[in-house]
């Protein structure tokens, strides 16, 4: 966001403002979906949350939280239909308009790292199976699962057109309804 806002052209700040709008809406969705698990575990420790998910299996509230996290994952990764900050046809690449060379490579690398980290978080909290207890094997299993999630995100990216900002806000409102129900189910331990 800072890189896009600091450019001299008109498209960088526009892309940065769209990125900020999406981040403000989606980060709350991601946190609320994790809160569903936190309610069950009574702890913010991700290790305990993952262990609880492995031991208790899927619950209705966790499935709904996983669905909300996955829907927010598409937005977090900047994929269609939510590539509003980059919108090549509208704002010419958005925050990356003025970037080139090593600076652009660093921006792109941060997006790739974000993809792997968010997909790993999603999988570790909501789909933590299978675990062998052997660290290299578990890391390989996680990488395979991350690859599958990113392929699914890529398929969604390939088959959907971009939506408008007002449509995105309506979409997020729908996710909030799902999350509110999931949190209510988690409070009554469903």
N, C-alpha and C. Protein backbone atom coordinates (compact mmCIF):
# COMPACT_ATOMS: atom_id res chain seq x y z
N UNK A 1 0.82 -1.19 0.00
CA UNK A 1 0.00 0.00 0.00
C UNK A 1 0.87 1.25 0.00
N UNK A 2 1.93 1.24 0.82
CA UNK A 2 2.79 2.42 0.88
C UNK A 2 3.52 2.64 -0.44
N UNK A 3 3.95 1.54 -1.06
CA UNK A 3 4.64 1.66 -2.34
C UNK A 3 3.74 2.25 -3.41
N UNK A 4 2.49 1.81 -3.46
CA UNK A 4 1.55 2.35 -4.43
C UNK A 4 1.17 3.78 -4.15
N UNK A 5 1.03 4.12 -2.87
CA UNK A 5 0.64 5.48 -2.51
C UNK A 5 1.76 6.48 -2.75
N UNK A 6 3.00 6.01 -2.79
CA UNK A 6 4.12 6.94 -2.94
C UNK A 6 4.50 7.21 -4.39
N UNK A 7 3.80 6.61 -5.33
CA UNK A 7 4.13 6.86 -6.73
C UNK A 7 3.62 8.23 -7.16
N UNK A 8 4.18 8.73 -8.24
CA UNK A 8 3.77 10.05 -8.72
C UNK A 8 2.56 10.01 -9.63
N UNK A 9 2.20 8.82 -10.15
CA UNK A 9 1.09 8.72 -11.08
C UNK A 9 -0.25 8.60 -10.38
N UNK A 10 -1.32 8.68 -11.16
CA UNK A 10 -2.66 8.60 -10.56
C UNK A 10 -3.11 7.18 -10.23
N UNK A 11 -2.53 6.16 -10.88
CA UNK A 11 -3.02 4.79 -10.71
C UNK A 11 -2.51 4.11 -9.44
N UNK A 12 -1.28 4.42 -9.04
CA UNK A 12 -0.72 3.82 -7.84
C UNK A 12 -1.52 4.13 -6.58
N UNK A 13 -1.81 5.42 -6.31
CA UNK A 13 -2.62 5.72 -5.12
C UNK A 13 -4.03 5.13 -5.19
N UNK A 14 -4.61 5.06 -6.37
CA UNK A 14 -5.94 4.45 -6.50
C UNK A 14 -5.90 2.97 -6.15
N UNK A 15 -4.88 2.28 -6.68
CA UNK A 15 -4.72 0.87 -6.35
C UNK A 15 -4.43 0.67 -4.86
N UNK A 16 -3.63 1.56 -4.28
CA UNK A 16 -3.32 1.46 -2.85
C UNK A 16 -4.58 1.68 -2.00
N UNK A 17 -5.43 2.61 -2.41
CA UNK A 17 -6.65 2.84 -1.64
C UNK A 17 -7.60 1.65 -1.74
N UNK A 18 -7.65 1.02 -2.91
CA UNK A 18 -8.47 -0.20 -3.03
C UNK A 18 -7.89 -1.33 -2.19
N UNK A 19 -6.58 -1.44 -2.19
CA UNK A 19 -5.92 -2.46 -1.36
C UNK A 19 -6.23 -2.24 0.11
N UNK A 20 -6.21 -0.99 0.54
CA UNK A 20 -6.51 -0.66 1.94
C UNK A 20 -7.96 -1.01 2.27
N UNK A 21 -8.88 -0.69 1.36
CA UNK A 21 -10.29 -1.00 1.60
C UNK A 21 -10.50 -2.51 1.74
N UNK A 22 -9.90 -3.27 0.83
CA UNK A 22 -10.04 -4.72 0.91
C UNK A 22 -9.39 -5.29 2.17
N UNK A 23 -8.23 -4.76 2.53
CA UNK A 23 -7.54 -5.26 3.72
C UNK A 23 -8.37 -5.01 4.97
N UNK A 24 -8.97 -3.84 5.06
CA UNK A 24 -9.78 -3.52 6.24
C UNK A 24 -10.98 -4.46 6.35
N UNK A 25 -11.53 -4.87 5.24
CA UNK A 25 -12.69 -5.75 5.28
C UNK A 25 -12.31 -7.22 5.48
N UNK A 26 -11.24 -7.63 4.83
CA UNK A 26 -10.91 -9.05 4.80
C UNK A 26 -10.12 -9.49 6.02
N UNK A 27 -9.25 -8.66 6.54
CA UNK A 27 -8.48 -9.05 7.73
C UNK A 27 -9.42 -9.36 8.89
N UNK A 28 -10.50 -8.62 9.00
CA UNK A 28 -11.47 -8.88 10.07
C UNK A 28 -12.15 -10.22 9.86
N UNK A 29 -12.44 -10.56 8.61
CA UNK A 29 -13.06 -11.85 8.30
C UNK A 29 -12.11 -12.99 8.66
N UNK A 30 -10.85 -12.84 8.32
CA UNK A 30 -9.86 -13.89 8.64
C UNK A 30 -9.76 -14.06 10.15
N UNK A 31 -9.66 -12.96 10.87
CA UNK A 31 -9.55 -13.05 12.33
C UNK A 31 -10.81 -13.65 12.95
N UNK A 32 -11.98 -13.25 12.45
CA UNK A 32 -13.22 -13.80 13.00
C UNK A 32 -13.35 -15.29 12.72
N UNK A 33 -12.87 -15.74 11.57
CA UNK A 33 -12.94 -17.18 11.29
C UNK A 33 -12.00 -17.95 12.21
N UNK A 34 -10.87 -17.35 12.56
CA UNK A 34 -9.97 -17.99 13.53
C UNK A 34 -10.57 -17.95 14.93
N UNK A 35 -11.35 -16.93 15.23
CA UNK A 35 -12.01 -16.81 16.54
C UNK A 35 -12.97 -17.97 16.77
N UNK A 36 -13.56 -18.50 15.70
CA UNK A 36 -14.45 -19.65 15.84
C UNK A 36 -13.69 -20.80 16.52
N UNK A 37 -12.47 -21.06 16.06
CA UNK A 37 -11.67 -22.10 16.69
C UNK A 37 -11.20 -21.71 18.08
N UNK A 38 -10.88 -20.45 18.26
CA UNK A 38 -10.42 -19.97 19.57
C UNK A 38 -11.50 -20.16 20.62
N UNK A 39 -12.74 -19.99 20.24
CA UNK A 39 -13.85 -20.19 21.18
C UNK A 39 -13.88 -21.65 21.64
N UNK A 40 -13.66 -22.57 20.71
CA UNK A 40 -13.66 -23.99 21.09
C UNK A 40 -12.49 -24.33 22.01
N UNK A 41 -11.30 -23.79 21.70
CA UNK A 41 -10.08 -24.16 22.42
C UNK A 41 -9.90 -23.33 23.69
N UNK A 42 -10.49 -22.14 23.73
CA UNK A 42 -10.32 -21.21 24.85
C UNK A 42 -8.86 -20.74 24.95
N UNK A 43 -8.20 -20.62 23.79
CA UNK A 43 -6.82 -20.18 23.75
C UNK A 43 -6.51 -19.61 22.37
N UNK A 44 -5.58 -18.65 22.33
CA UNK A 44 -5.13 -18.09 21.06
C UNK A 44 -3.91 -18.83 20.52
N UNK A 45 -3.50 -19.91 21.16
CA UNK A 45 -2.34 -20.69 20.75
C UNK A 45 -2.70 -21.51 19.51
N UNK A 46 -2.05 -21.21 18.39
CA UNK A 46 -2.36 -21.90 17.14
C UNK A 46 -2.02 -23.39 17.20
N UNK A 47 -1.01 -23.74 17.98
CA UNK A 47 -0.66 -25.15 18.15
C UNK A 47 -1.78 -25.92 18.83
N UNK A 48 -2.33 -25.33 19.88
CA UNK A 48 -3.46 -25.98 20.56
C UNK A 48 -4.69 -26.03 19.67
N UNK A 49 -4.89 -24.98 18.88
CA UNK A 49 -6.03 -24.95 17.96
C UNK A 49 -5.91 -26.06 16.92
N UNK A 50 -4.72 -26.23 16.37
CA UNK A 50 -4.49 -27.29 15.39
C UNK A 50 -4.67 -28.67 16.02
N UNK A 51 -4.15 -28.84 17.23
CA UNK A 51 -4.29 -30.12 17.93
C UNK A 51 -5.76 -30.41 18.21
N UNK A 52 -6.50 -29.39 18.65
CA UNK A 52 -7.93 -29.58 18.90
C UNK A 52 -8.65 -29.98 17.62
N UNK A 53 -8.33 -29.33 16.50
CA UNK A 53 -8.97 -29.66 15.23
C UNK A 53 -8.67 -31.09 14.81
N UNK A 54 -7.43 -31.53 15.02
CA UNK A 54 -7.07 -32.90 14.66
C UNK A 54 -7.81 -33.90 15.53
N UNK A 55 -7.94 -33.62 16.82
CA UNK A 55 -8.54 -34.57 17.75
C UNK A 55 -10.06 -34.60 17.67
N UNK A 56 -10.67 -33.45 17.53
CA UNK A 56 -12.14 -33.41 17.58
C UNK A 56 -12.80 -33.62 16.23
N UNK A 57 -12.05 -33.46 15.16
CA UNK A 57 -12.64 -33.61 13.84
C UNK A 57 -13.44 -32.38 13.46
N UNK A 58 -14.03 -32.42 12.29
CA UNK A 58 -14.78 -31.23 11.83
C UNK A 58 -16.08 -31.06 12.61
N UNK A 59 -16.34 -29.83 13.00
CA UNK A 59 -17.62 -29.47 13.60
C UNK A 59 -18.32 -28.50 12.65
N UNK A 60 -19.59 -28.31 12.84
CA UNK A 60 -20.34 -27.42 11.96
C UNK A 60 -19.79 -26.01 12.00
N UNK A 61 -19.47 -25.53 13.19
CA UNK A 61 -18.96 -24.16 13.30
C UNK A 61 -17.59 -24.03 12.64
N UNK A 62 -16.73 -25.05 12.77
CA UNK A 62 -15.41 -24.99 12.13
C UNK A 62 -15.52 -25.10 10.62
N UNK A 63 -16.47 -25.87 10.13
CA UNK A 63 -16.68 -25.96 8.67
C UNK A 63 -17.11 -24.60 8.13
N UNK A 64 -18.02 -23.94 8.86
CA UNK A 64 -18.46 -22.61 8.42
C UNK A 64 -17.32 -21.60 8.52
N UNK A 65 -16.51 -21.69 9.58
CA UNK A 65 -15.34 -20.81 9.71
C UNK A 65 -14.34 -21.07 8.60
N UNK A 66 -14.15 -22.34 8.24
CA UNK A 66 -13.24 -22.69 7.14
C UNK A 66 -13.75 -22.13 5.82
N UNK A 67 -15.05 -22.22 5.61
CA UNK A 67 -15.62 -21.67 4.36
C UNK A 67 -15.40 -20.17 4.29
N UNK A 68 -15.61 -19.48 5.39
CA UNK A 68 -15.40 -18.03 5.41
C UNK A 68 -13.93 -17.70 5.19
N UNK A 69 -13.02 -18.44 5.82
CA UNK A 69 -11.59 -18.19 5.64
C UNK A 69 -11.19 -18.44 4.19
N UNK A 70 -11.70 -19.53 3.60
CA UNK A 70 -11.35 -19.83 2.21
C UNK A 70 -11.87 -18.75 1.27
N UNK A 71 -13.09 -18.27 1.50
CA UNK A 71 -13.62 -17.20 0.66
C UNK A 71 -12.81 -15.92 0.82
N UNK A 72 -12.32 -15.67 2.02
CA UNK A 72 -11.48 -14.50 2.25
C UNK A 72 -10.07 -14.72 1.68
N UNK A 73 -9.66 -15.97 1.59
CA UNK A 73 -8.34 -16.29 1.04
C UNK A 73 -8.22 -15.82 -0.40
N UNK A 74 -9.28 -15.97 -1.15
CA UNK A 74 -9.28 -15.50 -2.55
C UNK A 74 -9.00 -14.00 -2.62
N UNK A 75 -9.57 -13.27 -1.68
CA UNK A 75 -9.38 -11.82 -1.64
C UNK A 75 -7.97 -11.50 -1.16
N UNK A 76 -7.52 -12.18 -0.10
CA UNK A 76 -6.19 -11.92 0.46
C UNK A 76 -5.09 -12.15 -0.57
N UNK A 77 -5.29 -13.11 -1.45
CA UNK A 77 -4.26 -13.43 -2.43
C UNK A 77 -4.36 -12.57 -3.68
N UNK A 78 -5.34 -11.67 -3.72
CA UNK A 78 -5.45 -10.75 -4.86
C UNK A 78 -5.84 -11.44 -6.15
N UNK A 79 -6.61 -12.50 -6.06
CA UNK A 79 -7.02 -13.25 -7.25
C UNK A 79 -8.41 -12.82 -7.68
N UNK A 80 -8.71 -13.09 -8.94
CA UNK A 80 -10.05 -12.81 -9.44
C UNK A 80 -11.05 -13.62 -8.64
N UNK A 81 -12.18 -13.13 -8.39
CA UNK A 81 -12.79 -11.90 -8.86
C UNK A 81 -12.43 -10.68 -8.01
N UNK A 82 -11.43 -10.80 -7.14
CA UNK A 82 -11.11 -9.72 -6.21
C UNK A 82 -9.76 -9.08 -6.47
N UNK A 83 -9.33 -8.95 -7.70
CA UNK A 83 -8.05 -8.29 -7.97
C UNK A 83 -8.27 -6.80 -8.19
N UNK A 84 -9.12 -6.22 -7.38
CA UNK A 84 -9.48 -4.81 -7.52
C UNK A 84 -8.29 -3.86 -7.44
N UNK A 85 -7.29 -4.08 -6.56
CA UNK A 85 -6.17 -3.14 -6.51
C UNK A 85 -5.29 -3.17 -7.77
N UNK A 86 -5.20 -4.34 -8.43
CA UNK A 86 -4.33 -4.46 -9.60
C UNK A 86 -5.06 -4.18 -10.90
N UNK A 87 -6.33 -4.45 -10.95
CA UNK A 87 -7.24 -4.27 -12.08
C UNK A 87 -6.57 -3.73 -13.33
N UNK A 88 -5.88 -4.59 -14.04
CA UNK A 88 -5.07 -4.18 -15.19
C UNK A 88 -5.85 -3.36 -16.23
N UNK A 89 -7.09 -3.74 -16.49
CA UNK A 89 -7.86 -3.03 -17.51
C UNK A 89 -8.39 -1.69 -17.02
N UNK A 90 -8.51 -1.53 -15.70
CA UNK A 90 -9.08 -0.29 -15.17
C UNK A 90 -8.02 0.70 -14.72
N UNK A 91 -7.09 0.23 -13.89
CA UNK A 91 -6.13 1.17 -13.30
C UNK A 91 -4.69 0.77 -13.59
N UNK A 92 -4.49 0.04 -14.66
CA UNK A 92 -3.15 -0.20 -15.22
C UNK A 92 -2.16 -0.83 -14.23
N UNK A 93 -2.57 -1.80 -13.44
CA UNK A 93 -1.64 -2.46 -12.54
C UNK A 93 -1.63 -1.91 -11.13
N UNK A 94 -2.37 -0.88 -10.88
CA UNK A 94 -2.54 -0.36 -9.52
C UNK A 94 -1.26 0.02 -8.82
N UNK A 95 -1.05 -0.51 -7.63
CA UNK A 95 0.10 -0.09 -6.84
C UNK A 95 1.44 -0.46 -7.46
N UNK A 96 1.44 -1.36 -8.43
CA UNK A 96 2.70 -1.78 -9.07
C UNK A 96 3.00 -1.00 -10.34
N UNK A 97 2.22 -0.01 -10.64
CA UNK A 97 2.36 0.74 -11.90
C UNK A 97 3.75 1.34 -12.06
N UNK A 98 4.30 1.92 -11.01
CA UNK A 98 5.58 2.61 -11.09
C UNK A 98 6.76 1.72 -10.69
N UNK A 99 6.50 0.48 -10.27
CA UNK A 99 7.57 -0.37 -9.78
C UNK A 99 8.19 -1.17 -10.93
N UNK A 100 9.49 -1.37 -10.83
CA UNK A 100 10.19 -2.21 -11.80
C UNK A 100 11.46 -2.73 -11.14
N UNK A 101 12.07 -3.70 -11.77
CA UNK A 101 13.33 -4.23 -11.30
C UNK A 101 13.23 -4.90 -9.95
N UNK A 102 14.24 -4.68 -9.09
CA UNK A 102 14.25 -5.35 -7.79
C UNK A 102 13.06 -4.99 -6.89
N UNK A 103 12.58 -3.75 -6.99
CA UNK A 103 11.44 -3.36 -6.16
C UNK A 103 10.19 -4.16 -6.56
N UNK A 104 9.93 -4.31 -7.86
CA UNK A 104 8.79 -5.09 -8.32
C UNK A 104 8.97 -6.56 -7.93
N UNK A 105 10.19 -7.06 -8.05
CA UNK A 105 10.45 -8.45 -7.66
C UNK A 105 10.16 -8.66 -6.18
N UNK A 106 10.53 -7.70 -5.35
CA UNK A 106 10.27 -7.80 -3.92
C UNK A 106 8.77 -7.77 -3.64
N UNK A 107 8.02 -6.92 -4.32
CA UNK A 107 6.56 -6.90 -4.18
C UNK A 107 5.97 -8.25 -4.56
N UNK A 108 6.39 -8.77 -5.70
CA UNK A 108 5.85 -10.05 -6.18
C UNK A 108 6.23 -11.19 -5.24
N UNK A 109 7.48 -11.17 -4.74
CA UNK A 109 7.91 -12.21 -3.82
C UNK A 109 7.07 -12.17 -2.54
N UNK A 110 6.76 -10.97 -2.07
CA UNK A 110 5.94 -10.87 -0.86
C UNK A 110 4.55 -11.44 -1.09
N UNK A 111 4.00 -11.27 -2.30
CA UNK A 111 2.71 -11.88 -2.61
C UNK A 111 2.80 -13.40 -2.62
N UNK A 112 3.89 -13.95 -3.18
CA UNK A 112 4.06 -15.41 -3.19
C UNK A 112 4.21 -15.95 -1.77
N UNK A 113 4.99 -15.26 -0.95
CA UNK A 113 5.15 -15.69 0.45
C UNK A 113 3.82 -15.62 1.19
N UNK A 114 3.05 -14.58 0.92
CA UNK A 114 1.73 -14.43 1.55
C UNK A 114 0.81 -15.58 1.15
N UNK A 115 0.88 -16.00 -0.10
CA UNK A 115 0.06 -17.12 -0.55
C UNK A 115 0.38 -18.39 0.23
N UNK A 116 1.64 -18.70 0.37
CA UNK A 116 2.04 -19.92 1.06
C UNK A 116 1.69 -19.84 2.54
N UNK A 117 1.95 -18.70 3.17
CA UNK A 117 1.67 -18.57 4.59
C UNK A 117 0.18 -18.63 4.91
N UNK A 118 -0.64 -17.93 4.14
CA UNK A 118 -2.09 -17.95 4.40
C UNK A 118 -2.70 -19.31 4.11
N UNK A 119 -2.26 -19.95 3.03
CA UNK A 119 -2.77 -21.29 2.73
C UNK A 119 -2.35 -22.27 3.82
N UNK A 120 -1.12 -22.15 4.32
CA UNK A 120 -0.66 -23.03 5.42
C UNK A 120 -1.46 -22.78 6.69
N UNK A 121 -1.73 -21.52 7.01
CA UNK A 121 -2.54 -21.21 8.19
C UNK A 121 -3.93 -21.80 8.05
N UNK A 122 -4.55 -21.62 6.89
CA UNK A 122 -5.87 -22.19 6.63
C UNK A 122 -5.87 -23.70 6.84
N UNK A 123 -4.88 -24.36 6.27
CA UNK A 123 -4.82 -25.82 6.35
C UNK A 123 -4.51 -26.30 7.76
N UNK A 124 -3.62 -25.62 8.46
CA UNK A 124 -3.22 -26.06 9.80
C UNK A 124 -4.36 -25.89 10.80
N UNK A 125 -5.17 -24.87 10.63
CA UNK A 125 -6.26 -24.64 11.59
C UNK A 125 -7.51 -25.43 11.23
N UNK A 126 -7.87 -25.46 9.95
CA UNK A 126 -9.16 -26.04 9.58
C UNK A 126 -9.07 -27.43 8.95
N UNK A 127 -7.95 -27.78 8.34
CA UNK A 127 -7.80 -29.10 7.71
C UNK A 127 -6.43 -29.66 8.10
N UNK A 128 -6.21 -29.98 9.38
CA UNK A 128 -4.88 -30.36 9.83
C UNK A 128 -4.52 -31.83 9.61
N UNK A 129 -5.34 -32.56 8.92
CA UNK A 129 -5.08 -33.99 8.74
C UNK A 129 -4.34 -34.21 7.43
N UNK A 130 -3.58 -35.20 7.23
CA UNK A 130 -3.03 -36.16 8.19
C UNK A 130 -1.75 -35.63 8.80
N UNK A 131 -1.44 -36.10 9.97
CA UNK A 131 -0.17 -35.79 10.65
C UNK A 131 0.50 -37.11 11.01
N UNK A 132 1.77 -37.22 10.71
CA UNK A 132 2.51 -38.45 10.99
C UNK A 132 3.38 -38.33 12.22
N UNK A 133 3.73 -37.11 12.63
CA UNK A 133 4.65 -36.91 13.73
C UNK A 133 6.10 -36.84 13.27
N UNK A 134 6.34 -37.12 12.01
CA UNK A 134 7.68 -37.02 11.43
C UNK A 134 7.73 -35.68 10.69
N UNK A 135 8.57 -34.76 11.17
CA UNK A 135 8.55 -33.38 10.69
C UNK A 135 8.76 -33.27 9.17
N UNK A 136 9.77 -33.92 8.57
CA UNK A 136 9.93 -33.76 7.11
C UNK A 136 8.72 -34.28 6.32
N UNK A 137 8.14 -35.37 6.78
CA UNK A 137 6.96 -35.93 6.09
C UNK A 137 5.77 -34.99 6.26
N UNK A 138 5.59 -34.44 7.47
CA UNK A 138 4.50 -33.50 7.69
C UNK A 138 4.67 -32.23 6.87
N UNK A 139 5.93 -31.77 6.71
CA UNK A 139 6.17 -30.59 5.87
C UNK A 139 5.85 -30.88 4.42
N UNK A 140 6.19 -32.07 3.95
CA UNK A 140 5.88 -32.46 2.57
C UNK A 140 4.37 -32.55 2.37
N UNK A 141 3.68 -33.13 3.33
CA UNK A 141 2.21 -33.21 3.25
C UNK A 141 1.61 -31.82 3.22
N UNK A 142 2.13 -30.92 4.06
CA UNK A 142 1.63 -29.55 4.08
C UNK A 142 1.87 -28.86 2.73
N UNK A 143 3.05 -29.04 2.15
CA UNK A 143 3.33 -28.42 0.86
C UNK A 143 2.41 -28.95 -0.24
N UNK A 144 2.11 -30.23 -0.19
CA UNK A 144 1.18 -30.80 -1.17
C UNK A 144 -0.22 -30.21 -0.98
N UNK A 145 -0.66 -30.10 0.29
CA UNK A 145 -1.97 -29.52 0.55
C UNK A 145 -2.01 -28.05 0.14
N UNK A 146 -0.93 -27.30 0.40
CA UNK A 146 -0.86 -25.90 -0.03
C UNK A 146 -0.95 -25.82 -1.54
N UNK A 147 -0.26 -26.70 -2.23
CA UNK A 147 -0.30 -26.73 -3.69
C UNK A 147 -1.73 -26.97 -4.18
N UNK A 148 -2.45 -27.89 -3.55
CA UNK A 148 -3.83 -28.18 -3.94
C UNK A 148 -4.72 -26.96 -3.70
N UNK A 149 -4.56 -26.31 -2.53
CA UNK A 149 -5.37 -25.11 -2.23
C UNK A 149 -5.08 -24.01 -3.25
N UNK A 150 -3.80 -23.80 -3.56
CA UNK A 150 -3.45 -22.74 -4.51
C UNK A 150 -3.92 -23.08 -5.93
N UNK A 151 -3.97 -24.35 -6.28
CA UNK A 151 -4.54 -24.72 -7.58
C UNK A 151 -6.03 -24.43 -7.59
N UNK A 152 -6.72 -24.74 -6.49
CA UNK A 152 -8.16 -24.44 -6.41
C UNK A 152 -8.40 -22.94 -6.49
N UNK A 153 -7.57 -22.15 -5.82
CA UNK A 153 -7.67 -20.69 -5.90
C UNK A 153 -7.40 -20.23 -7.33
N UNK A 154 -6.44 -20.86 -8.00
CA UNK A 154 -6.14 -20.52 -9.38
C UNK A 154 -7.27 -20.85 -10.33
N UNK A 155 -7.95 -21.97 -10.08
CA UNK A 155 -9.11 -22.33 -10.92
C UNK A 155 -10.22 -21.31 -10.74
N UNK A 156 -10.48 -20.92 -9.49
CA UNK A 156 -11.50 -19.89 -9.23
C UNK A 156 -11.10 -18.59 -9.93
N UNK A 157 -9.80 -18.27 -9.89
CA UNK A 157 -9.27 -17.08 -10.56
C UNK A 157 -9.50 -17.15 -12.07
N UNK A 158 -9.35 -18.33 -12.63
CA UNK A 158 -9.44 -18.48 -14.09
C UNK A 158 -10.87 -18.44 -14.62
N UNK A 159 -11.84 -18.81 -13.81
CA UNK A 159 -13.20 -18.94 -14.32
C UNK A 159 -14.13 -17.81 -13.90
N UNK A 160 -13.64 -16.85 -13.14
CA UNK A 160 -14.49 -15.76 -12.67
C UNK A 160 -14.06 -14.42 -13.24
N UNK A 161 -15.02 -13.58 -13.58
CA UNK A 161 -14.68 -12.22 -13.98
C UNK A 161 -14.50 -11.34 -12.74
N UNK A 162 -13.86 -10.21 -12.90
CA UNK A 162 -13.66 -9.28 -11.78
C UNK A 162 -15.01 -8.69 -11.40
N UNK A 163 -15.17 -8.45 -10.10
CA UNK A 163 -16.40 -7.81 -9.64
C UNK A 163 -16.11 -6.36 -9.30
N UNK A 164 -17.18 -5.59 -9.21
CA UNK A 164 -17.03 -4.18 -8.85
C UNK A 164 -16.88 -4.05 -7.34
N UNK A 165 -16.45 -2.89 -6.90
CA UNK A 165 -16.22 -2.64 -5.48
C UNK A 165 -17.52 -2.80 -4.69
N UNK A 166 -18.64 -2.29 -5.21
CA UNK A 166 -19.91 -2.42 -4.49
C UNK A 166 -20.35 -3.87 -4.39
N UNK A 167 -20.06 -4.67 -5.42
CA UNK A 167 -20.38 -6.09 -5.35
C UNK A 167 -19.51 -6.80 -4.31
N UNK A 168 -18.25 -6.37 -4.21
CA UNK A 168 -17.35 -6.96 -3.21
C UNK A 168 -17.87 -6.69 -1.80
N UNK A 169 -18.38 -5.51 -1.56
CA UNK A 169 -18.90 -5.17 -0.23
C UNK A 169 -20.11 -6.05 0.10
N UNK A 170 -20.98 -6.28 -0.86
CA UNK A 170 -22.13 -7.18 -0.64
C UNK A 170 -21.66 -8.61 -0.37
N UNK A 171 -20.63 -9.03 -1.07
CA UNK A 171 -20.06 -10.36 -0.89
C UNK A 171 -19.53 -10.51 0.54
N UNK A 172 -18.80 -9.49 1.02
CA UNK A 172 -18.25 -9.55 2.36
C UNK A 172 -19.36 -9.55 3.41
N UNK A 173 -20.44 -8.86 3.14
CA UNK A 173 -21.58 -8.87 4.07
C UNK A 173 -22.15 -10.28 4.19
N UNK A 174 -22.21 -11.00 3.08
CA UNK A 174 -22.67 -12.39 3.11
C UNK A 174 -21.74 -13.28 3.93
N UNK A 175 -20.44 -13.06 3.78
CA UNK A 175 -19.47 -13.83 4.56
C UNK A 175 -19.64 -13.53 6.04
N UNK A 176 -19.93 -12.26 6.37
CA UNK A 176 -20.13 -11.90 7.78
C UNK A 176 -21.33 -12.60 8.38
N UNK A 177 -22.37 -12.80 7.59
CA UNK A 177 -23.54 -13.53 8.09
C UNK A 177 -23.15 -14.97 8.41
N UNK A 178 -22.40 -15.61 7.50
CA UNK A 178 -21.93 -16.97 7.74
C UNK A 178 -21.07 -17.02 9.01
N UNK A 179 -20.19 -16.04 9.18
CA UNK A 179 -19.33 -16.01 10.36
C UNK A 179 -20.11 -15.78 11.64
N UNK A 180 -21.12 -14.94 11.59
CA UNK A 180 -21.93 -14.70 12.79
C UNK A 180 -22.62 -15.99 13.23
N UNK A 181 -23.13 -16.74 12.27
CA UNK A 181 -23.75 -18.02 12.60
C UNK A 181 -22.71 -19.00 13.13
N UNK A 182 -21.53 -19.03 12.51
CA UNK A 182 -20.47 -19.93 12.96
C UNK A 182 -20.04 -19.61 14.38
N UNK A 183 -19.90 -18.34 14.70
CA UNK A 183 -19.51 -17.93 16.06
C UNK A 183 -20.62 -18.32 17.05
N UNK A 184 -21.87 -18.14 16.65
CA UNK A 184 -22.98 -18.53 17.52
C UNK A 184 -22.97 -20.04 17.76
N UNK A 185 -22.71 -20.82 16.71
CA UNK A 185 -22.63 -22.28 16.87
C UNK A 185 -21.43 -22.66 17.75
N UNK A 186 -20.32 -21.95 17.61
CA UNK A 186 -19.15 -22.26 18.43
C UNK A 186 -19.43 -21.96 19.89
N UNK A 187 -20.17 -20.91 20.17
CA UNK A 187 -20.50 -20.58 21.56
C UNK A 187 -21.38 -21.63 22.22
N UNK A 188 -22.22 -22.30 21.43
CA UNK A 188 -23.04 -23.38 21.97
C UNK A 188 -22.44 -24.75 21.69
N UNK A 189 -21.18 -24.75 21.22
CA UNK A 189 -20.37 -25.94 20.99
C UNK A 189 -20.99 -26.90 19.98
N UNK A 190 -21.37 -26.36 18.83
CA UNK A 190 -21.89 -27.20 17.74
C UNK A 190 -20.81 -27.37 16.71
